[in-house]
Amino acid sequence: CNNVQFIFTIGLEGTGHHMMNVVADSSPFIERLRAAIGNFGDLSSLLFDDRNKSGLFNSHLNGFDPSVLHRVVQALQEIDKTVAFNFPGEVFRFPLNTLPNGTSSGMISY
């Protein structure tokens, strides 16, 4: 991906890493990208699905499903293409595990 830098925020409990949800959700970039793409719920659920335990980062619970990885890669490539088309010349930083998604996926936390 050339137009997007995907960021994965980590932190131990009690270090404030959950605050990144608020920061990401109020980001002007996220609002611009949401206007171009729509909701990030599909990607968020593909990464971490707290309800069905079927996301890429839930694979330790239900076994690794290569089709989920393939769908994640497709979603990330689509975000990159959308940024390139809608915001030429700009490079955006995209928070993978703090996606504002409106689903029950929540923050990916370890």
PDB file of N, CA and C in Angstrom:
ATOM      1  N   CYS A   1       0.843  -1.179   0.000  1.00  0.00           N
ATOM      2  CA  CYS A   1       0.000   0.000   0.000  1.00  0.00           C
ATOM      3  C   CYS A   1       0.884   1.236   0.000  1.00  0.00           C
ATOM      4  N   ASN A   2       0.627   2.133  -0.884  1.00  0.00           N
ATOM      5  CA  ASN A   2       1.465   3.308  -1.033  1.00  0.00           C
ATOM      6  C   ASN A   2       0.850   4.574  -0.456  1.00  0.00           C
ATOM      7  N   ASN A   3      -0.467   4.617  -0.350  1.00  0.00           N
ATOM      8  CA  ASN A   3      -1.140   5.838   0.057  1.00  0.00           C
ATOM      9  C   ASN A   3      -1.566   5.832   1.513  1.00  0.00           C
ATOM     10  N   VAL A   4      -1.498   4.683   2.133  1.00  0.00           N
ATOM     11  CA  VAL A   4      -1.951   4.547   3.512  1.00  0.00           C
ATOM     12  C   VAL A   4      -0.868   3.862   4.329  1.00  0.00           C
ATOM     13  N   GLN A   5      -0.621   4.396   5.504  1.00  0.00           N
ATOM     14  CA  GLN A   5       0.236   3.729   6.473  1.00  0.00           C
ATOM     15  C   GLN A   5      -0.690   3.167   7.531  1.00  0.00           C
ATOM     16  N   PHE A   6      -0.727   1.841   7.640  1.00  0.00           N
ATOM     17  CA  PHE A   6      -1.608   1.197   8.601  1.00  0.00           C
ATOM     18  C   PHE A   6      -0.890   1.125   9.947  1.00  0.00           C
ATOM     19  N   ILE A   7      -1.556   1.584  10.995  1.00  0.00           N
ATOM     20  CA  ILE A   7      -0.978   1.668  12.329  1.00  0.00           C
ATOM     21  C   ILE A   7      -1.711   0.706  13.256  1.00  0.00           C
ATOM     22  N   PHE A   8      -0.952   0.007  14.073  1.00  0.00           N
ATOM     23  CA  PHE A   8      -1.503  -0.896  15.067  1.00  0.00           C
ATOM     24  C   PHE A   8      -1.043  -0.407  16.440  1.00  0.00           C
ATOM     25  N   THR A   9      -1.973   0.096  17.246  1.00  0.00           N
ATOM     26  CA  THR A   9      -1.658   0.636  18.566  1.00  0.00           C
ATOM     27  C   THR A   9      -1.710  -0.474  19.599  1.00  0.00           C
ATOM     28  N   ILE A  10      -0.663  -0.580  20.403  1.00  0.00           N
ATOM     29  CA  ILE A  10      -0.651  -1.576  21.467  1.00  0.00           C
ATOM     30  C   ILE A  10      -0.398  -0.883  22.794  1.00  0.00           C
ATOM     31  N   GLY A  11      -0.816  -1.537  23.839  1.00  0.00           N
ATOM     32  CA  GLY A  11      -0.567  -1.005  25.166  1.00  0.00           C
ATOM     33  C   GLY A  11      -1.073  -1.953  26.220  1.00  0.00           C
ATOM     34  N   LEU A  12      -0.402  -1.978  27.319  1.00  0.00           N
ATOM     35  CA  LEU A  12      -0.839  -2.788  28.449  1.00  0.00           C
ATOM     36  C   LEU A  12      -2.040  -2.127  29.110  1.00  0.00           C
ATOM     37  N   GLU A  13      -2.840  -2.936  29.770  1.00  0.00           N
ATOM     38  CA  GLU A  13      -3.986  -2.379  30.490  1.00  0.00           C
ATOM     39  C   GLU A  13      -3.510  -1.312  31.471  1.00  0.00           C
ATOM     40  N   GLY A  14      -4.247  -0.207  31.488  1.00  0.00           N
ATOM     41  CA  GLY A  14      -3.912   0.873  32.396  1.00  0.00           C
ATOM     42  C   GLY A  14      -2.973   1.912  31.816  1.00  0.00           C
ATOM     43  N   THR A  15      -2.532   1.739  30.556  1.00  0.00           N
ATOM     44  CA  THR A  15      -1.591   2.691  29.968  1.00  0.00           C
ATOM     45  C   THR A  15      -2.276   3.767  29.127  1.00  0.00           C
ATOM     46  N   GLY A  16      -3.580   3.671  28.954  1.00  0.00           N
ATOM     47  CA  GLY A  16      -4.306   4.688  28.196  1.00  0.00           C
ATOM     48  C   GLY A  16      -4.470   4.389  26.727  1.00  0.00           C
ATOM     49  N   HIS A  17      -4.136   3.176  26.288  1.00  0.00           N
ATOM     50  CA  HIS A  17      -4.224   2.888  24.856  1.00  0.00           C
ATOM     51  C   HIS A  17      -5.667   2.883  24.349  1.00  0.00           C
ATOM     52  N   HIS A  18      -6.642   2.697  25.220  1.00  0.00           N
ATOM     53  CA  HIS A  18      -8.046   2.746  24.782  1.00  0.00           C
ATOM     54  C   HIS A  18      -8.452   4.161  24.380  1.00  0.00           C
ATOM     55  N   MET A  19      -7.731   5.154  24.852  1.00  0.00           N
ATOM     56  CA  MET A  19      -7.996   6.529  24.462  1.00  0.00           C
ATOM     57  C   MET A  19      -7.862   6.709  22.946  1.00  0.00           C
ATOM     58  N   MET A  20      -7.082   5.864  22.310  1.00  0.00           N
ATOM     59  CA  MET A  20      -6.890   5.981  20.858  1.00  0.00           C
ATOM     60  C   MET A  20      -8.199   5.794  20.098  1.00  0.00           C
ATOM     61  N   ASN A  21      -9.167   5.066  20.669  1.00  0.00           N
ATOM     62  CA  ASN A  21     -10.494   4.968  20.049  1.00  0.00           C
ATOM     63  C   ASN A  21     -11.109   6.353  19.901  1.00  0.00           C
ATOM     64  N   VAL A  22     -11.047   7.143  20.961  1.00  0.00           N
ATOM     65  CA  VAL A  22     -11.622   8.481  20.957  1.00  0.00           C
ATOM     66  C   VAL A  22     -10.874   9.372  19.973  1.00  0.00           C
ATOM     67  N   VAL A  23      -9.548   9.288  20.005  1.00  0.00           N
ATOM     68  CA  VAL A  23      -8.731  10.096  19.093  1.00  0.00           C
ATOM     69  C   VAL A  23      -9.044   9.743  17.643  1.00  0.00           C
ATOM     70  N   ALA A  24      -9.077   8.453  17.329  1.00  0.00           N
ATOM     71  CA  ALA A  24      -9.346   8.027  15.951  1.00  0.00           C
ATOM     72  C   ALA A  24     -10.748   8.429  15.512  1.00  0.00           C
ATOM     73  N   ASP A  25     -11.716   8.261  16.394  1.00  0.00           N
ATOM     74  CA  ASP A  25     -13.100   8.551  16.022  1.00  0.00           C
ATOM     75  C   ASP A  25     -13.327  10.031  15.770  1.00  0.00           C
ATOM     76  N   SER A  26     -12.545  10.903  16.417  1.00  0.00           N
ATOM     77  CA  SER A  26     -12.711  12.337  16.224  1.00  0.00           C
ATOM     78  C   SER A  26     -11.740  12.918  15.201  1.00  0.00           C
ATOM     79  N   SER A  27     -10.964  12.075  14.553  1.00  0.00           N
ATOM     80  CA  SER A  27      -9.978  12.530  13.578  1.00  0.00           C
ATOM     81  C   SER A  27     -10.646  13.064  12.313  1.00  0.00           C
ATOM     82  N   PRO A  28     -10.249  14.246  11.852  1.00  0.00           N
ATOM     83  CA  PRO A  28     -10.781  14.755  10.579  1.00  0.00           C
ATOM     84  C   PRO A  28     -10.477  13.805   9.415  1.00  0.00           C
ATOM     85  N   PHE A  29      -9.324  13.144   9.454  1.00  0.00           N
ATOM     86  CA  PHE A  29      -8.982  12.173   8.419  1.00  0.00           C
ATOM     87  C   PHE A  29     -10.003  11.047   8.379  1.00  0.00           C
ATOM     88  N   ILE A  30     -10.359  10.508   9.554  1.00  0.00           N
ATOM     89  CA  ILE A  30     -11.324   9.414   9.605  1.00  0.00           C
ATOM     90  C   ILE A  30     -12.661   9.878   9.043  1.00  0.00           C
ATOM     91  N   GLU A  31     -13.059  11.091   9.351  1.00  0.00           N
ATOM     92  CA  GLU A  31     -14.317  11.612   8.808  1.00  0.00           C
ATOM     93  C   GLU A  31     -14.256  11.711   7.285  1.00  0.00           C
ATOM     94  N   ARG A  32     -13.137  12.185   6.758  1.00  0.00           N
ATOM     95  CA  ARG A  32     -12.986  12.285   5.299  1.00  0.00           C
ATOM     96  C   ARG A  32     -12.992  10.904   4.663  1.00  0.00           C
ATOM     97  N   LEU A  33     -12.295   9.969   5.294  1.00  0.00           N
ATOM     98  CA  LEU A  33     -12.236   8.617   4.749  1.00  0.00           C
ATOM     99  C   LEU A  33     -13.587   7.923   4.869  1.00  0.00           C
ATOM    100  N   ARG A  34     -14.273   8.136   5.966  1.00  0.00           N
ATOM    101  CA  ARG A  34     -15.608   7.544   6.142  1.00  0.00           C
ATOM    102  C   ARG A  34     -16.559   8.063   5.062  1.00  0.00           C
ATOM    103  N   ALA A  35     -16.431   9.348   4.707  1.00  0.00           N
ATOM    104  CA  ALA A  35     -17.276   9.906   3.652  1.00  0.00           C
ATOM    105  C   ALA A  35     -16.994   9.225   2.309  1.00  0.00           C
ATOM    106  N   ALA A  36     -15.740   8.830   2.084  1.00  0.00           N
ATOM    107  CA  ALA A  36     -15.369   8.183   0.824  1.00  0.00           C
ATOM    108  C   ALA A  36     -15.668   6.684   0.821  1.00  0.00           C
ATOM    109  N   ILE A  37     -15.516   6.033   1.978  1.00  0.00           N
ATOM    110  CA  ILE A  37     -15.643   4.573   2.050  1.00  0.00           C
ATOM    111  C   ILE A  37     -16.945   4.128   2.692  1.00  0.00           C
ATOM    112  N   GLY A  38     -17.352   4.816   3.739  1.00  0.00           N
ATOM    113  CA  GLY A  38     -18.489   4.375   4.536  1.00  0.00           C
ATOM    114  C   GLY A  38     -18.002   3.839   5.869  1.00  0.00           C
ATOM    115  N   ASN A  39     -18.795   2.987   6.473  1.00  0.00           N
ATOM    116  CA  ASN A  39     -18.459   2.438   7.782  1.00  0.00           C
ATOM    117  C   ASN A  39     -17.305   1.460   7.678  1.00  0.00           C
ATOM    118  N   PHE A  40     -16.496   1.393   8.725  1.00  0.00           N
ATOM    119  CA  PHE A  40     -15.357   0.479   8.761  1.00  0.00           C
ATOM    120  C   PHE A  40     -15.696  -0.840   9.449  1.00  0.00           C
ATOM    121  N   GLY A  41     -16.975  -1.073   9.718  1.00  0.00           N
ATOM    122  CA  GLY A  41     -17.390  -2.247  10.471  1.00  0.00           C
ATOM    123  C   GLY A  41     -16.945  -3.564   9.874  1.00  0.00           C
ATOM    124  N   ASP A  42     -17.000  -3.695   8.553  1.00  0.00           N
ATOM    125  CA  ASP A  42     -16.598  -4.953   7.918  1.00  0.00           C
ATOM    126  C   ASP A  42     -15.126  -5.259   8.184  1.00  0.00           C
ATOM    127  N   LEU A  43     -14.253  -4.271   7.978  1.00  0.00           N
ATOM    128  CA  LEU A  43     -12.831  -4.486   8.212  1.00  0.00           C
ATOM    129  C   LEU A  43     -12.571  -4.756   9.689  1.00  0.00           C
ATOM    130  N   SER A  44     -13.216  -3.989  10.540  1.00  0.00           N
ATOM    131  CA  SER A  44     -13.017  -4.174  11.968  1.00  0.00           C
ATOM    132  C   SER A  44     -13.409  -5.582  12.402  1.00  0.00           C
ATOM    133  N   SER A  45     -14.530  -6.076  11.910  1.00  0.00           N
ATOM    134  CA  SER A  45     -14.970  -7.428  12.263  1.00  0.00           C
ATOM    135  C   SER A  45     -14.064  -8.492  11.665  1.00  0.00           C
ATOM    136  N   LEU A  46     -13.510  -8.220  10.492  1.00  0.00           N
ATOM    137  CA  LEU A  46     -12.561  -9.167   9.902  1.00  0.00           C
ATOM    138  C   LEU A  46     -11.296  -9.270  10.746  1.00  0.00           C
ATOM    139  N   LEU A  47     -10.906  -8.164  11.367  1.00  0.00           N
ATOM    140  CA  LEU A  47      -9.705  -8.176  12.206  1.00  0.00           C
ATOM    141  C   LEU A  47      -9.976  -8.786  13.577  1.00  0.00           C
ATOM    142  N   PHE A  48     -11.046  -8.337  14.219  1.00  0.00           N
ATOM    143  CA  PHE A  48     -11.341  -8.812  15.572  1.00  0.00           C
ATOM    144  C   PHE A  48     -12.844  -8.802  15.763  1.00  0.00           C
ATOM    145  N   ASP A  49     -13.422  -9.969  15.893  1.00  0.00           N
ATOM    146  CA  ASP A  49     -14.866 -10.097  16.048  1.00  0.00           C
ATOM    147  C   ASP A  49     -15.163 -10.663  17.428  1.00  0.00           C
ATOM    148  N   ASP A  50     -15.494  -9.775  18.346  1.00  0.00           N
ATOM    149  CA  ASP A  50     -15.740 -10.194  19.727  1.00  0.00           C
ATOM    150  C   ASP A  50     -17.004 -11.046  19.845  1.00  0.00           C
ATOM    151  N   ARG A  51     -17.947 -10.829  18.952  1.00  0.00           N
ATOM    152  CA  ARG A  51     -19.205 -11.560  19.020  1.00  0.00           C
ATOM    153  C   ARG A  51     -19.053 -12.996  18.532  1.00  0.00           C
ATOM    154  N   ASN A  52     -18.487 -13.191  17.343  1.00  0.00           N
ATOM    155  CA  ASN A  52     -18.401 -14.524  16.736  1.00  0.00           C
ATOM    156  C   ASN A  52     -17.039 -15.189  16.884  1.00  0.00           C
ATOM    157  N   LYS A  53     -16.061 -14.439  17.399  1.00  0.00           N
ATOM    158  CA  LYS A  53     -14.697 -14.965  17.570  1.00  0.00           C
ATOM    159  C   LYS A  53     -14.122 -15.470  16.247  1.00  0.00           C
ATOM    160  N   SER A  54     -14.445 -14.775  15.158  1.00  0.00           N
ATOM    161  CA  SER A  54     -14.033 -15.251  13.837  1.00  0.00           C
ATOM    162  C   SER A  54     -13.060 -14.321  13.127  1.00  0.00           C
ATOM    163  N   GLY A  55     -12.585 -13.268  13.791  1.00  0.00           N
ATOM    164  CA  GLY A  55     -11.668 -12.341  13.150  1.00  0.00           C
ATOM    165  C   GLY A  55     -10.253 -12.882  13.050  1.00  0.00           C
ATOM    166  N   LEU A  56      -9.435 -12.214  12.261  1.00  0.00           N
ATOM    167  CA  LEU A  56      -8.046 -12.620  12.072  1.00  0.00           C
ATOM    168  C   LEU A  56      -7.310 -12.705  13.404  1.00  0.00           C
ATOM    169  N   PHE A  57      -7.550 -11.726  14.298  1.00  0.00           N
ATOM    170  CA  PHE A  57      -6.865 -11.723  15.583  1.00  0.00           C
ATOM    171  C   PHE A  57      -7.578 -12.579  16.633  1.00  0.00           C
ATOM    172  N   ASN A  58      -8.670 -13.254  16.241  1.00  0.00           N
ATOM    173  CA  ASN A  58      -9.337 -14.229  17.108  1.00  0.00           C
ATOM    174  C   ASN A  58      -8.970 -15.650  16.702  1.00  0.00           C
ATOM    175  N   SER A  59      -8.080 -15.819  15.750  1.00  0.00           N
ATOM    176  CA  SER A  59      -7.823 -17.145  15.182  1.00  0.00           C
ATOM    177  C   SER A  59      -7.347 -18.151  16.221  1.00  0.00           C
ATOM    178  N   HIS A  60      -6.778 -17.688  17.319  1.00  0.00           N
ATOM    179  CA  HIS A  60      -6.355 -18.608  18.371  1.00  0.00           C
ATOM    180  C   HIS A  60      -7.555 -19.280  19.034  1.00  0.00           C
ATOM    181  N   LEU A  61      -8.760 -18.737  18.837  1.00  0.00           N
ATOM    182  CA  LEU A  61      -9.958 -19.303  19.452  1.00  0.00           C
ATOM    183  C   LEU A  61     -10.636 -20.344  18.549  1.00  0.00           C
ATOM    184  N   ASN A  62     -10.626 -20.112  17.263  1.00  0.00           N
ATOM    185  CA  ASN A  62     -11.352 -20.983  16.336  1.00  0.00           C
ATOM    186  C   ASN A  62     -10.489 -21.566  15.228  1.00  0.00           C
ATOM    187  N   GLY A  63      -9.202 -21.382  15.297  1.00  0.00           N
ATOM    188  CA  GLY A  63      -8.331 -21.868  14.233  1.00  0.00           C
ATOM    189  C   GLY A  63      -8.185 -20.831  13.138  1.00  0.00           C
ATOM    190  N   PHE A  64      -7.105 -20.908  12.427  1.00  0.00           N
ATOM    191  CA  PHE A  64      -6.799 -19.941  11.371  1.00  0.00           C
ATOM    192  C   PHE A  64      -7.601 -20.258  10.120  1.00  0.00           C
ATOM    193  N   ASP A  65      -8.265 -19.246   9.585  1.00  0.00           N
ATOM    194  CA  ASP A  65      -9.038 -19.382   8.355  1.00  0.00           C
ATOM    195  C   ASP A  65      -8.369 -18.507   7.290  1.00  0.00           C
ATOM    196  N   PRO A  66      -7.686 -19.120   6.305  1.00  0.00           N
ATOM    197  CA  PRO A  66      -6.989 -18.336   5.284  1.00  0.00           C
ATOM    198  C   PRO A  66      -7.901 -17.374   4.523  1.00  0.00           C
ATOM    199  N   SER A  67      -9.168 -17.695   4.410  1.00  0.00           N
ATOM    200  CA  SER A  67     -10.079 -16.813   3.678  1.00  0.00           C
ATOM    201  C   SER A  67     -10.260 -15.481   4.415  1.00  0.00           C
ATOM    202  N   VAL A  68     -10.162 -15.494   5.750  1.00  0.00           N
ATOM    203  CA  VAL A  68     -10.273 -14.248   6.505  1.00  0.00           C
ATOM    204  C   VAL A  68      -9.065 -13.363   6.201  1.00  0.00           C
ATOM    205  N   LEU A  69      -7.878 -13.937   6.188  1.00  0.00           N
ATOM    206  CA  LEU A  69      -6.671 -13.170   5.847  1.00  0.00           C
ATOM    207  C   LEU A  69      -6.796 -12.583   4.447  1.00  0.00           C
ATOM    208  N   HIS A  70      -7.280 -13.362   3.508  1.00  0.00           N
ATOM    209  CA  HIS A  70      -7.459 -12.886   2.133  1.00  0.00           C
ATOM    210  C   HIS A  70      -8.438 -11.707   2.099  1.00  0.00           C
ATOM    211  N   ARG A  71      -9.525 -11.790   2.838  1.00  0.00           N
ATOM    212  CA  ARG A  71     -10.517 -10.710   2.863  1.00  0.00           C
ATOM    213  C   ARG A  71      -9.962  -9.465   3.555  1.00  0.00           C
ATOM    214  N   VAL A  72      -9.116  -9.646   4.582  1.00  0.00           N
ATOM    215  CA  VAL A  72      -8.471  -8.503   5.236  1.00  0.00           C
ATOM    216  C   VAL A  72      -7.560  -7.784   4.243  1.00  0.00           C
ATOM    217  N   VAL A  73      -6.741  -8.548   3.526  1.00  0.00           N
ATOM    218  CA  VAL A  73      -5.831  -7.956   2.538  1.00  0.00           C
ATOM    219  C   VAL A  73      -6.633  -7.204   1.475  1.00  0.00           C
ATOM    220  N   GLN A  74      -7.719  -7.790   1.006  1.00  0.00           N
ATOM    221  CA  GLN A  74      -8.565  -7.112   0.012  1.00  0.00           C
ATOM    222  C   GLN A  74      -9.123  -5.798   0.564  1.00  0.00           C
ATOM    223  N   ALA A  75      -9.582  -5.819   1.809  1.00  0.00           N
ATOM    224  CA  ALA A  75     -10.139  -4.608   2.422  1.00  0.00           C
ATOM    225  C   ALA A  75      -9.079  -3.518   2.553  1.00  0.00           C
ATOM    226  N   LEU A  76      -7.862  -3.898   2.965  1.00  0.00           N
ATOM    227  CA  LEU A  76      -6.780  -2.925   3.102  1.00  0.00           C
ATOM    228  C   LEU A  76      -6.383  -2.350   1.743  1.00  0.00           C
ATOM    229  N   GLN A  77      -6.360  -3.197   0.723  1.00  0.00           N
ATOM    230  CA  GLN A  77      -6.051  -2.721  -0.620  1.00  0.00           C
ATOM    231  C   GLN A  77      -7.130  -1.770  -1.126  1.00  0.00           C
ATOM    232  N   GLU A  78      -8.372  -2.062  -0.790  1.00  0.00           N
ATOM    233  CA  GLU A  78      -9.475  -1.189  -1.204  1.00  0.00           C
ATOM    234  C   GLU A  78      -9.369   0.178  -0.524  1.00  0.00           C
ATOM    235  N   ILE A  79      -8.985   0.194   0.733  1.00  0.00           N
ATOM    236  CA  ILE A  79      -8.787   1.469   1.429  1.00  0.00           C
ATOM    237  C   ILE A  79      -7.671   2.261   0.749  1.00  0.00           C
ATOM    238  N   ASP A  80      -6.580   1.580   0.413  1.00  0.00           N
ATOM    239  CA  ASP A  80      -5.463   2.242  -0.262  1.00  0.00           C
ATOM    240  C   ASP A  80      -5.905   2.828  -1.603  1.00  0.00           C
ATOM    241  N   LYS A  81      -6.652   2.066  -2.384  1.00  0.00           N
ATOM    242  CA  LYS A  81      -7.138   2.550  -3.689  1.00  0.00           C
ATOM    243  C   LYS A  81      -8.073   3.736  -3.518  1.00  0.00           C
ATOM    244  N   THR A  82      -8.934   3.673  -2.508  1.00  0.00           N
ATOM    245  CA  THR A  82      -9.880   4.763  -2.267  1.00  0.00           C
ATOM    246  C   THR A  82      -9.154   6.045  -1.891  1.00  0.00           C
ATOM    247  N   VAL A  83      -8.134   5.923  -1.050  1.00  0.00           N
ATOM    248  CA  VAL A  83      -7.347   7.098  -0.683  1.00  0.00           C
ATOM    249  C   VAL A  83      -6.637   7.664  -1.915  1.00  0.00           C
ATOM    250  N   ALA A  84      -6.032   6.792  -2.716  1.00  0.00           N
ATOM    251  CA  ALA A  84      -5.323   7.247  -3.916  1.00  0.00           C
ATOM    252  C   ALA A  84      -6.264   7.968  -4.882  1.00  0.00           C
ATOM    253  N   PHE A  85      -7.487   7.467  -5.020  1.00  0.00           N
ATOM    254  CA  PHE A  85      -8.439   8.059  -5.952  1.00  0.00           C
ATOM    255  C   PHE A  85      -9.031   9.358  -5.411  1.00  0.00           C
ATOM    256  N   ASN A  86      -9.435   9.357  -4.149  1.00  0.00           N
ATOM    257  CA  ASN A  86     -10.142  10.495  -3.572  1.00  0.00           C
ATOM    258  C   ASN A  86      -9.230  11.576  -3.003  1.00  0.00           C
ATOM    259  N   PHE A  87      -8.013  11.193  -2.652  1.00  0.00           N
ATOM    260  CA  PHE A  87      -7.090  12.141  -2.018  1.00  0.00           C
ATOM    261  C   PHE A  87      -5.711  12.011  -2.671  1.00  0.00           C
ATOM    262  N   PRO A  88      -5.594  12.289  -3.964  1.00  0.00           N
ATOM    263  CA  PRO A  88      -4.316  12.089  -4.657  1.00  0.00           C
ATOM    264  C   PRO A  88      -3.183  12.894  -4.023  1.00  0.00           C
ATOM    265  N   GLY A  89      -2.045  12.234  -3.891  1.00  0.00           N
ATOM    266  CA  GLY A  89      -0.867  12.885  -3.342  1.00  0.00           C
ATOM    267  C   GLY A  89      -0.806  12.905  -1.829  1.00  0.00           C
ATOM    268  N   GLU A  90      -1.871  12.468  -1.160  1.00  0.00           N
ATOM    269  CA  GLU A  90      -1.878  12.459   0.302  1.00  0.00           C
ATOM    270  C   GLU A  90      -1.555  11.063   0.810  1.00  0.00           C
ATOM    271  N   VAL A  91      -0.893  11.005   1.935  1.00  0.00           N
ATOM    272  CA  VAL A  91      -0.629   9.739   2.626  1.00  0.00           C
ATOM    273  C   VAL A  91      -1.330   9.822   3.968  1.00  0.00           C
ATOM    274  N   PHE A  92      -2.188   8.855   4.234  1.00  0.00           N
ATOM    275  CA  PHE A  92      -2.948   8.839   5.477  1.00  0.00           C
ATOM    276  C   PHE A  92      -2.459   7.725   6.392  1.00  0.00           C
ATOM    277  N   ARG A  93      -2.547   7.988   7.675  1.00  0.00           N
ATOM    278  CA  ARG A  93      -2.263   6.953   8.676  1.00  0.00           C
ATOM    279  C   ARG A  93      -3.600   6.404   9.158  1.00  0.00           C
ATOM    280  N   PHE A  94      -3.740   5.108   9.049  1.00  0.00           N
ATOM    281  CA  PHE A  94      -5.019   4.461   9.318  1.00  0.00           C
ATOM    282  C   PHE A  94      -4.898   3.543  10.531  1.00  0.00           C
ATOM    283  N   PRO A  95      -5.662   3.810  11.600  1.00  0.00           N
ATOM    284  CA  PRO A  95      -5.556   3.005  12.821  1.00  0.00           C
ATOM    285  C   PRO A  95      -6.308   1.681  12.702  1.00  0.00           C
ATOM    286  N   LEU A  96      -5.594   0.595  12.534  1.00  0.00           N
ATOM    287  CA  LEU A  96      -6.245  -0.701  12.338  1.00  0.00           C
ATOM    288  C   LEU A  96      -7.035  -1.183  13.534  1.00  0.00           C
ATOM    289  N   ASN A  97      -6.500  -1.060  14.713  1.00  0.00           N
ATOM    290  CA  ASN A  97      -7.170  -1.666  15.850  1.00  0.00           C
ATOM    291  C   ASN A  97      -7.935  -0.666  16.710  1.00  0.00           C
ATOM    292  N   THR A  98      -8.135   0.519  16.206  1.00  0.00           N
ATOM    293  CA  THR A  98      -8.971   1.482  16.913  1.00  0.00           C
ATOM    294  C   THR A  98     -10.037   2.018  15.976  1.00  0.00           C
ATOM    295  N   LEU A  99     -10.462   1.189  15.053  1.00  0.00           N
ATOM    296  CA  LEU A  99     -11.434   1.631  14.073  1.00  0.00           C
ATOM    297  C   LEU A  99     -12.753   2.012  14.718  1.00  0.00           C
ATOM    298  N   PRO A 100     -13.243   3.196  14.413  1.00  0.00           N
ATOM    299  CA  PRO A 100     -14.590   3.544  14.833  1.00  0.00           C
ATOM    300  C   PRO A 100     -15.557   2.805  13.914  1.00  0.00           C
ATOM    301  N   ASN A 101     -16.266   1.816  14.445  1.00  0.00           N
ATOM    302  CA  ASN A 101     -16.996   0.936  13.543  1.00  0.00           C
ATOM    303  C   ASN A 101     -18.476   0.787  13.821  1.00  0.00           C
ATOM    304  N   GLY A 102     -18.944   1.213  14.952  1.00  0.00           N
ATOM    305  CA  GLY A 102     -20.352   1.062  15.250  1.00  0.00           C
ATOM    306  C   GLY A 102     -20.765  -0.390  15.479  1.00  0.00           C
ATOM    307  N   THR A 103     -19.817  -1.291  15.638  1.00  0.00           N
ATOM    308  CA  THR A 103     -20.136  -2.696  15.897  1.00  0.00           C
ATOM    309  C   THR A 103     -19.669  -3.059  17.292  1.00  0.00           C
ATOM    310  N   SER A 104     -19.839  -4.306  17.658  1.00  0.00           N
ATOM    311  CA  SER A 104     -19.410  -4.729  18.987  1.00  0.00           C
ATOM    312  C   SER A 104     -17.964  -5.208  18.988  1.00  0.00           C
ATOM    313  N   SER A 105     -17.254  -4.996  17.886  1.00  0.00           N
ATOM    314  CA  SER A 105     -15.884  -5.473  17.804  1.00  0.00           C
ATOM    315  C   SER A 105     -15.009  -4.812  18.857  1.00  0.00           C
ATOM    316  N   GLY A 106     -15.162  -3.532  19.015  1.00  0.00           N
ATOM    317  CA  GLY A 106     -14.406  -2.834  20.052  1.00  0.00           C
ATOM    318  C   GLY A 106     -12.942  -2.696  19.720  1.00  0.00           C
ATOM    319  N   MET A 107     -12.196  -2.242  20.700  1.00  0.00           N
ATOM    320  CA  MET A 107     -10.749  -2.060  20.553  1.00  0.00           C
ATOM    321  C   MET A 107     -10.051  -3.399  20.680  1.00  0.00           C
ATOM    322  N   ILE A 108      -9.136  -3.664  19.805  1.00  0.00           N
ATOM    323  CA  ILE A 108      -8.341  -4.866  19.917  1.00  0.00           C
ATOM    324  C   ILE A 108      -7.326  -4.596  21.020  1.00  0.00           C
ATOM    325  N   SER A 109      -7.333  -5.401  22.035  1.00  0.00           N
ATOM    326  CA  SER A 109      -6.495  -5.145  23.206  1.00  0.00           C
ATOM    327  C   SER A 109      -5.872  -6.442  23.686  1.00  0.00           C
ATOM    328  N   TYR A 110      -4.651  -6.345  24.188  1.00  0.00           N
ATOM    329  CA  TYR A 110      -3.957  -7.535  24.686  1.00  0.00           C
ATOM    330  C   TYR A 110      -3.442  -7.268  26.063  1.00  0.00           C
TER     331      TYR A 110
END
